[in-house]
Amino acid sequence: MSDTRNFNQQYGVPMAIYQERYRALDPEEVSRRSGVPYDSGLSVFSMTVLGFDLLVSWPEFSLKPLDVRCPSVLCGNAAQILLIRYLIKGTKAEPAGAFIPYREIPWGDVYDKNFQGRCRARLAFGFGNTLESFKKACEALGGIPHDKGDASYDLPVLPGLTVRLILWSGDDEFPPQSQWLFSDNMPLAFTAEDVACMGDVIIGALKEMAKK
């Protein structure tokens, strides 16, 4: 009973609310605001998420990957909530070129401790001692290598919206560590809570691609 209740509280109830709002949207306005292409003939949006193309139906929201290699997490519950929220209220803006830490996203300082455990620690201990797996997974998700840490990549969450993952491997004296930085246009697209959810999706996708 508790598992069902927790699922409904975390995904079922919010998703029902978002679905209702989504149905009421003008898809052409959504496309202009979000920068996501819309095909009125097929009634679908086309989104590229972590390098994989997804079709998003309207007015009933559903996700369909166009590549069989697409990690299943990109169509899972967390990704569905993340993407429907972007279509409902996200705004596309060109990045100015800077990257910011999570705490500099509005309200990020409030949720920063949660983000450290939910995202930074999980990435560090999941991949800190397997850098080659991390590199393989990032590249499979369209990541571009960067020159920070022992390994780092810029991942295209959505076109123009980038997450920079920096990883330091552990040794006998220090545990593995990670840093997450976000393109400076991220706050116009997602809230701090959304970005934490994004971290769950990214880590899930990395784990799936590392196993392939």
Protein backbone atom coordinates (compact mmCIF):
# COMPACT_ATOMS: atom_id res chain seq x y z
CA MET A 1 0.00 0.00 0.00
CA SER A 2 2.78 2.45 0.94
CA ASP A 3 4.59 1.89 -2.38
CA THR A 4 1.43 2.73 -4.31
CA ARG A 5 0.77 5.79 -2.16
CA ASN A 6 4.36 7.02 -2.55
CA PHE A 7 4.22 6.51 -6.32
CA ASN A 8 0.95 8.47 -6.56
CA GLN A 9 2.30 11.30 -4.42
CA GLN A 10 5.57 11.56 -6.32
CA TYR A 11 4.41 10.93 -9.88
CA GLY A 12 0.75 10.01 -10.30
CA VAL A 13 -0.93 13.05 -8.73
CA PRO A 14 1.51 15.67 -10.09
CA MET A 15 1.41 14.08 -13.55
CA ALA A 16 -2.38 14.22 -13.64
CA ILE A 17 -2.23 17.95 -12.84
CA TYR A 18 0.44 18.57 -15.48
CA GLN A 19 -1.51 16.56 -18.06
CA GLU A 20 -4.53 18.79 -17.54
CA ARG A 21 -2.43 21.93 -17.98
CA TYR A 22 -0.67 20.43 -21.00
CA ARG A 23 -3.95 19.69 -22.81
CA ALA A 24 -4.96 23.35 -22.42
CA LEU A 25 -1.79 24.68 -24.06
CA ASP A 26 -1.56 26.25 -27.49
CA PRO A 27 1.15 24.05 -29.05
CA GLU A 28 2.28 26.78 -31.44
CA GLU A 29 2.84 29.14 -28.49
CA VAL A 30 4.71 26.38 -26.68
CA SER A 31 6.97 25.93 -29.68
CA ARG A 32 7.75 29.66 -29.91
CA ARG A 33 8.45 29.98 -26.17
CA SER A 34 10.40 26.78 -25.65
CA GLY A 35 12.13 26.46 -29.01
CA VAL A 36 10.81 22.90 -29.38
CA PRO A 37 9.62 22.16 -32.95
CA TYR A 38 5.96 21.20 -33.33
CA ASP A 39 4.42 19.25 -36.22
CA SER A 40 0.74 20.23 -36.43
CA GLY A 41 0.02 17.47 -38.94
CA LEU A 42 1.22 14.73 -36.58
CA SER A 43 0.40 16.63 -33.35
CA VAL A 44 3.83 15.98 -31.91
CA PHE A 45 6.70 17.98 -30.50
CA SER A 46 10.25 16.89 -31.37
CA MET A 47 12.67 17.02 -28.43
CA THR A 48 16.34 16.04 -28.33
CA VAL A 49 17.23 14.94 -24.81
CA LEU A 50 20.80 13.93 -23.97
CA GLY A 51 21.44 13.39 -27.66
CA PHE A 52 18.38 11.20 -28.31
CA ASP A 53 15.35 12.28 -30.32
CA LEU A 54 11.92 11.86 -28.73
CA LEU A 55 8.46 12.49 -30.14
CA VAL A 56 6.10 14.07 -27.60
CA SER A 57 2.41 13.75 -28.39
CA TRP A 58 -0.17 16.47 -27.82
CA PRO A 59 -2.82 16.94 -26.41
CA GLU A 60 -2.29 13.63 -24.57
CA PHE A 61 1.28 13.59 -23.30
CA SER A 62 3.43 10.58 -24.12
CA LEU A 63 7.05 10.03 -25.12
CA LYS A 64 8.30 7.90 -28.00
CA PRO A 65 12.04 7.41 -28.65
CA LEU A 66 13.18 7.27 -32.26
CA ASP A 67 16.35 5.28 -31.52
CA VAL A 68 16.31 1.78 -30.05
CA ARG A 69 19.52 2.65 -28.19
CA CYS A 70 17.74 5.39 -26.22
CA PRO A 71 18.09 4.72 -22.47
CA SER A 72 14.74 3.76 -20.94
CA VAL A 73 15.12 6.37 -18.19
CA LEU A 74 14.52 9.12 -20.80
CA CYS A 75 10.93 7.91 -21.06
CA GLY A 76 10.56 7.09 -17.36
CA ASN A 77 8.53 8.85 -14.70
CA ALA A 78 11.13 11.45 -13.70
CA ALA A 79 11.88 12.38 -17.32
CA GLN A 80 8.18 12.65 -18.12
CA ILE A 81 7.63 15.16 -15.32
CA LEU A 82 10.78 17.07 -16.25
CA LEU A 83 9.85 17.38 -19.93
CA ILE A 84 6.15 18.14 -19.48
CA ARG A 85 7.06 20.91 -17.03
CA TYR A 86 9.47 22.38 -19.57
CA LEU A 87 6.78 22.40 -22.24
CA ILE A 88 4.28 23.98 -19.84
CA LYS A 89 6.46 26.83 -18.59
CA GLY A 90 10.08 26.62 -19.79
CA THR A 91 11.60 29.38 -21.91
CA LYS A 92 14.47 28.97 -24.34
CA ALA A 93 17.24 31.56 -24.18
CA GLU A 94 20.71 31.55 -25.65
CA PRO A 95 23.46 30.95 -23.07
CA ALA A 96 25.89 33.79 -22.39
CA GLY A 97 28.76 31.32 -22.03
CA ALA A 98 29.10 31.08 -18.24
CA PHE A 99 28.43 28.03 -16.06
CA ILE A 100 26.91 28.26 -12.61
CA PRO A 101 26.76 25.86 -9.63
CA TYR A 102 23.45 24.49 -8.41
CA ARG A 103 23.26 26.88 -5.45
CA GLU A 104 23.18 29.88 -7.81
CA ILE A 105 19.98 28.69 -9.45
CA PRO A 106 17.04 30.49 -7.74
CA TRP A 107 16.19 28.53 -4.57
CA GLY A 108 19.18 26.29 -5.23
CA ASP A 109 20.76 27.39 -1.95
CA VAL A 110 17.70 26.03 -0.13
CA TYR A 111 17.91 22.61 -1.80
CA ASP A 112 21.70 22.49 -2.12
CA LYS A 113 22.28 19.96 0.68
CA ASN A 114 19.73 17.62 -0.86
CA PHE A 115 21.36 18.05 -4.28
CA GLN A 116 24.78 17.16 -2.89
CA GLY A 117 23.59 13.75 -1.77
CA ARG A 118 21.07 13.13 -4.52
CA CYS A 119 23.35 14.01 -7.44
CA ARG A 120 26.95 14.93 -6.62
CA ALA A 121 27.63 12.06 -4.20
CA ARG A 122 25.80 9.50 -6.36
CA LEU A 123 27.78 10.46 -9.44
CA ALA A 124 31.08 10.47 -7.53
CA PHE A 125 30.63 7.08 -5.93
CA GLY A 126 28.95 5.57 -8.98
CA PHE A 127 31.73 6.49 -11.42
CA GLY A 128 34.67 7.89 -9.44
CA ASN A 129 36.58 4.62 -9.65
CA THR A 130 35.45 3.74 -13.18
CA LEU A 131 36.45 6.75 -15.25
CA GLU A 132 36.45 4.82 -18.53
CA SER A 133 32.82 3.81 -17.97
CA PHE A 134 31.98 7.42 -17.22
CA LYS A 135 33.67 8.59 -20.43
CA LYS A 136 31.95 5.90 -22.49
CA ALA A 137 28.53 6.77 -21.07
CA CYS A 138 28.96 10.54 -21.50
CA GLU A 139 30.01 10.15 -25.12
CA ALA A 140 27.02 7.88 -25.78
CA LEU A 141 24.80 10.72 -24.51
CA GLY A 142 26.33 13.29 -26.84
CA GLY A 143 28.78 14.61 -24.28
CA ILE A 144 31.71 16.81 -25.29
CA PRO A 145 34.96 16.30 -23.32
CA HIS A 146 36.13 19.15 -21.11
CA ASP A 147 39.49 19.74 -19.43
CA LYS A 148 38.54 19.86 -15.75
CA GLY A 149 39.06 17.22 -13.06
CA ASP A 150 40.14 13.67 -13.91
CA ALA A 151 37.30 13.48 -16.42
CA SER A 152 34.65 16.00 -17.43
CA TYR A 153 31.97 16.36 -20.08
CA ASP A 154 29.40 18.87 -21.25
CA LEU A 155 26.09 17.04 -21.70
CA PRO A 156 23.32 18.51 -23.89
CA VAL A 157 20.22 18.08 -21.72
CA LEU A 158 18.21 19.96 -24.35
CA PRO A 159 19.56 21.98 -27.28
CA GLY A 160 21.33 25.00 -25.79
CA LEU A 161 20.93 23.74 -22.21
CA THR A 162 24.12 22.13 -20.94
CA VAL A 163 25.20 20.33 -17.78
CA ARG A 164 28.94 20.13 -17.13
CA LEU A 165 29.91 17.07 -15.09
CA ILE A 166 33.35 17.08 -13.47
CA LEU A 167 34.67 13.94 -11.80
CA TRP A 168 37.68 13.33 -9.58
CA SER A 169 38.62 9.72 -8.89
CA GLY A 170 39.24 8.55 -5.36
CA ASP A 171 42.47 7.32 -3.81
CA ASP A 172 43.70 6.05 -0.45
CA GLU A 173 43.39 9.51 1.13
CA PHE A 174 40.39 11.12 -0.55
CA PRO A 175 37.02 9.77 -1.70
CA PRO A 176 35.76 10.39 -5.25
CA GLN A 177 34.17 13.79 -5.83
CA SER A 178 32.03 15.39 -8.49
CA GLN A 179 30.90 18.85 -9.45
CA TRP A 180 27.84 19.80 -11.48
CA LEU A 181 27.73 23.11 -13.35
CA PHE A 182 24.88 24.44 -15.48
CA SER A 183 24.78 26.75 -18.48
CA ASP A 184 23.69 30.20 -17.34
CA ASN A 185 20.36 29.97 -19.20
CA MET A 186 19.23 26.97 -17.14
CA PRO A 187 17.14 29.02 -14.63
CA LEU A 188 14.86 30.24 -17.46
CA ALA A 189 14.14 26.66 -18.45
CA PHE A 190 13.96 24.79 -15.15
CA THR A 191 13.47 25.41 -11.43
CA ALA A 192 15.91 24.18 -8.79
CA GLU A 193 13.61 21.23 -8.07
CA ASP A 194 13.50 20.41 -11.77
CA VAL A 195 17.30 20.46 -11.95
CA ALA A 196 17.55 18.00 -9.07
CA CYS A 197 15.13 15.74 -10.94
CA MET A 198 17.29 16.27 -14.04
CA GLY A 199 20.22 14.93 -12.04
CA ASP A 200 18.33 11.71 -11.34
CA VAL A 201 17.60 11.32 -15.06
CA ILE A 202 21.21 11.99 -16.06
CA ILE A 203 22.65 9.52 -13.55
CA GLY A 204 20.13 6.89 -14.63
CA ALA A 205 21.03 7.44 -18.29
CA LEU A 206 24.76 7.27 -17.54
CA LYS A 207 24.34 3.96 -15.70
CA GLU A 208 22.33 2.48 -18.57
CA MET A 209 24.77 3.59 -21.26
CA ALA A 210 27.79 2.40 -19.24
CA LYS A 211 26.39 -1.14 -19.34
CA LYS A 212 25.89 -1.21 -23.13
